[in-house]
C-alpha atoms as a PDB file:
ATOM      1  CA  UNK A   1      -0.106   0.065  -0.131  1.00  0.00           C
ATOM      2  CA  UNK A   2       1.167   3.399  -0.942  1.00  0.00           C
ATOM      3  CA  UNK A   3       0.574   5.899   2.146  1.00  0.00           C
ATOM      4  CA  UNK A   4      -0.025   8.769  -0.015  1.00  0.00           C
ATOM      5  CA  UNK A   5      -3.048   7.067  -1.556  1.00  0.00           C
ATOM      6  CA  UNK A   6      -4.729   6.507   1.773  1.00  0.00           C
ATOM      7  CA  UNK A   7      -4.664  10.385   2.569  1.00  0.00           C
ATOM      8  CA  UNK A   8      -6.125  11.315  -0.897  1.00  0.00           C
ATOM      9  CA  UNK A   9      -9.949  11.958  -0.772  1.00  0.00           C
ATOM     10  CA  UNK A  10     -12.226   9.841  -3.094  1.00  0.00           C
ATOM     11  CA  UNK A  11     -13.074  11.374  -6.029  1.00  0.00           C
ATOM     12  CA  UNK A  12     -16.460  13.085  -5.928  1.00  0.00           C
ATOM     13  CA  UNK A  13     -19.246  13.999  -8.745  1.00  0.00           C
ATOM     14  CA  UNK A  14     -20.082  17.292  -8.220  1.00  0.00           C
ATOM     15  CA  UNK A  15     -23.406  17.090  -9.925  1.00  0.00           C
ATOM     16  CA  UNK A  16     -25.293  14.588  -7.808  1.00  0.00           C
ATOM     17  CA  UNK A  17     -25.181  16.340  -4.766  1.00  0.00           C
ATOM     18  CA  UNK A  18     -26.118  19.475  -5.889  1.00  0.00           C
ATOM     19  CA  UNK A  19     -28.990  18.280  -7.713  1.00  0.00           C
ATOM     20  CA  UNK A  20     -30.360  16.622  -4.659  1.00  0.00           C
ATOM     21  CA  UNK A  21     -29.923  19.775  -2.930  1.00  0.00           C
ATOM     22  CA  UNK A  22     -31.832  21.905  -5.175  1.00  0.00           C
ATOM     23  CA  UNK A  23     -34.816  19.212  -5.658  1.00  0.00           C
ATOM     24  CA  UNK A  24     -35.080  19.326  -1.982  1.00  0.00           C
ATOM     25  CA  UNK A  25     -34.792  23.247  -1.806  1.00  0.00           C
ATOM     26  CA  UNK A  26     -37.330  24.067  -4.623  1.00  0.00           C
ATOM     27  CA  UNK A  27     -39.679  21.104  -4.830  1.00  0.00           C
ATOM     28  CA  UNK A  28     -39.847  18.980  -1.749  1.00  0.00           C
ATOM     29  CA  UNK A  29     -39.220  21.511   1.167  1.00  0.00           C
ATOM     30  CA  UNK A  30     -41.849  24.083  -0.277  1.00  0.00           C
ATOM     31  CA  UNK A  31     -44.734  21.188  -0.580  1.00  0.00           C
ATOM     32  CA  UNK A  32     -44.005  19.915   2.837  1.00  0.00           C
ATOM     33  CA  UNK A  33     -44.125  23.048   4.320  1.00  0.00           C
ATOM     34  CA  UNK A  34     -47.220  24.370   2.573  1.00  0.00           C
ATOM     35  CA  UNK A  35     -49.035  21.244   3.711  1.00  0.00           C
ATOM     36  CA  UNK A  36     -47.591  21.709   7.068  1.00  0.00           C
ATOM     37  CA  UNK A  37     -48.818  25.194   7.487  1.00  0.00           C
ATOM     38  CA  UNK A  38     -52.414  24.090   6.040  1.00  0.00           C
ATOM     39  CA  UNK A  39     -52.935  21.594   8.884  1.00  0.00           C
ATOM     40  CA  UNK A  40     -51.219  23.529  11.665  1.00  0.00           C
ATOM     41  CA  UNK A  41     -53.849  26.459  10.994  1.00  0.00           C
ATOM     42  CA  UNK A  42     -56.392  23.943  10.726  1.00  0.00           C
ATOM     43  CA  UNK A  43     -55.486  22.639  13.938  1.00  0.00           C
ATOM     44  CA  UNK A  44     -55.248  25.953  15.547  1.00  0.00           C
ATOM     45  CA  UNK A  45     -58.553  27.258  14.351  1.00  0.00           C
ATOM     46  CA  UNK A  46     -60.654  24.138  14.785  1.00  0.00           C
ATOM     47  CA  UNK A  47     -60.533  24.143  18.337  1.00  0.00           C
ATOM     48  CA  UNK A  48     -60.257  20.314  18.784  1.00  0.00           C
ATOM     49  CA  UNK A  49     -57.138  20.441  21.013  1.00  0.00           C
ATOM     50  CA  UNK A  50     -57.277  16.788  21.916  1.00  0.00           C
ATOM     51  CA  UNK A  51     -53.605  15.085  22.834  1.00  0.00           C
ATOM     52  CA  UNK A  52     -53.314  13.093  19.866  1.00  0.00           C
ATOM     53  CA  UNK A  53     -54.149  15.773  17.327  1.00  0.00           C
ATOM     54  CA  UNK A  54     -51.730  18.227  19.678  1.00  0.00           C
ATOM     55  CA  UNK A  55     -49.039  15.422  19.658  1.00  0.00           C
ATOM     56  CA  UNK A  56     -49.238  15.127  15.702  1.00  0.00           C
ATOM     57  CA  UNK A  57     -49.038  19.066  15.215  1.00  0.00           C
ATOM     58  CA  UNK A  58     -46.111  18.951  17.417  1.00  0.00           C
ATOM     59  CA  UNK A  59     -44.206  15.839  15.941  1.00  0.00           C
ATOM     60  CA  UNK A  60     -45.069  17.720  12.482  1.00  0.00           C
ATOM     61  CA  UNK A  61     -43.809  20.958  13.702  1.00  0.00           C
ATOM     62  CA  UNK A  62     -40.124  19.403  14.752  1.00  0.00           C
ATOM     63  CA  UNK A  63     -40.128  17.565  11.607  1.00  0.00           C
ATOM     64  CA  UNK A  64     -40.712  20.822   9.480  1.00  0.00           C
ATOM     65  CA  UNK A  65     -38.005  22.511  11.579  1.00  0.00           C
ATOM     66  CA  UNK A  66     -35.321  19.568  10.998  1.00  0.00           C
ATOM     67  CA  UNK A  67     -36.115  19.496   7.169  1.00  0.00           C
ATOM     68  CA  UNK A  68     -35.725  23.354   6.920  1.00  0.00           C
ATOM     69  CA  UNK A  69     -32.175  23.149   9.003  1.00  0.00           C
ATOM     70  CA  UNK A  70     -30.978  20.032   7.672  1.00  0.00           C
ATOM     71  CA  UNK A  71     -31.816  19.903   4.205  1.00  0.00           C
ATOM     72  CA  UNK A  72     -32.171  23.634   3.347  1.00  0.00           C
ATOM     73  CA  UNK A  73     -30.031  25.609   5.752  1.00  0.00           C
ATOM     74  CA  UNK A  74     -27.138  23.510   5.788  1.00  0.00           C
ATOM     75  CA  UNK A  75     -26.994  22.255   2.134  1.00  0.00           C
ATOM     76  CA  UNK A  76     -26.882  26.051   1.106  1.00  0.00           C
ATOM     77  CA  UNK A  77     -24.471  26.977   3.808  1.00  0.00           C
ATOM     78  CA  UNK A  78     -22.119  24.241   2.594  1.00  0.00           C
ATOM     79  CA  UNK A  79     -22.664  25.034  -1.163  1.00  0.00           C
ATOM     80  CA  UNK A  80     -22.276  29.012  -1.010  1.00  0.00           C
ATOM     81  CA  UNK A  81     -20.575  29.420   2.282  1.00  0.00           C
ATOM     82  CA  UNK A  82     -22.826  32.449   3.028  1.00  0.00           C
ATOM     83  CA  UNK A  83     -25.397  32.419   5.815  1.00  0.00           C
ATOM     84  CA  UNK A  84     -27.009  35.168   4.404  1.00  0.00           C
ATOM     85  CA  UNK A  85     -27.963  33.096   1.121  1.00  0.00           C
ATOM     86  CA  UNK A  86     -28.733  30.350   3.682  1.00  0.00           C
ATOM     87  CA  UNK A  87     -31.184  32.709   5.128  1.00  0.00           C
ATOM     88  CA  UNK A  88     -32.861  33.794   2.182  1.00  0.00           C
ATOM     89  CA  UNK A  89     -33.179  30.242   0.751  1.00  0.00           C
ATOM     90  CA  UNK A  90     -35.174  29.196   4.306  1.00  0.00           C
ATOM     91  CA  UNK A  91     -37.197  32.243   3.611  1.00  0.00           C
ATOM     92  CA  UNK A  92     -37.816  31.499   0.189  1.00  0.00           C
ATOM     93  CA  UNK A  93     -38.240  27.767   0.669  1.00  0.00           C
ATOM     94  CA  UNK A  94     -39.524  27.178   4.048  1.00  0.00           C
ATOM     95  CA  UNK A  95     -40.980  30.505   5.705  1.00  0.00           C
ATOM     96  CA  UNK A  96     -43.166  31.681   2.464  1.00  0.00           C
ATOM     97  CA  UNK A  97     -44.749  28.230   1.824  1.00  0.00           C
ATOM     98  CA  UNK A  98     -45.684  27.869   5.512  1.00  0.00           C
ATOM     99  CA  UNK A  99     -47.327  30.979   5.624  1.00  0.00           C
ATOM    100  CA  UNK A 100     -49.041  30.134   2.227  1.00  0.00           C
ATOM    101  CA  UNK A 101     -50.550  27.188   3.826  1.00  0.00           C
ATOM    102  CA  UNK A 102     -51.843  29.056   6.827  1.00  0.00           C
ATOM    103  CA  UNK A 103     -53.187  31.997   4.821  1.00  0.00           C
ATOM    104  CA  UNK A 104     -54.886  29.334   2.395  1.00  0.00           C
ATOM    105  CA  UNK A 105     -56.555  27.580   5.411  1.00  0.00           C
ATOM    106  CA  UNK A 106     -57.570  30.952   6.893  1.00  0.00           C
ATOM    107  CA  UNK A 107     -59.196  31.774   3.328  1.00  0.00           C
ATOM    108  CA  UNK A 108     -61.072  28.494   3.341  1.00  0.00           C
ATOM    109  CA  UNK A 109     -62.152  28.740   6.782  1.00  0.00           C
ATOM    110  CA  UNK A 110     -63.610  32.245   6.309  1.00  0.00           C
ATOM    111  CA  UNK A 111     -65.833  31.329   3.043  1.00  0.00           C
END
């Protein structure tokens, strides 16, 4: 064995991780957060605060936070190295769809 070959990094295909990160950021995260905002708003305005529903909303909220941090914020931070760009990605891919889900539920509830 050559000691120099052990310290060299494995070749990485640069296109694959970027495609996965962008797919999560542009498709999966907004869809999940839109649905999450809708169901959280439904829970909040329905007035049915039972333990099973409360625990579901709590777990849904934790799942959304983990998705947003791990798969959007950290990926953008790793790709661009700028926390400002990562925060913009969180705003566009996570916060805006979540609030849109809330607004959609409130609009349906009103009519």
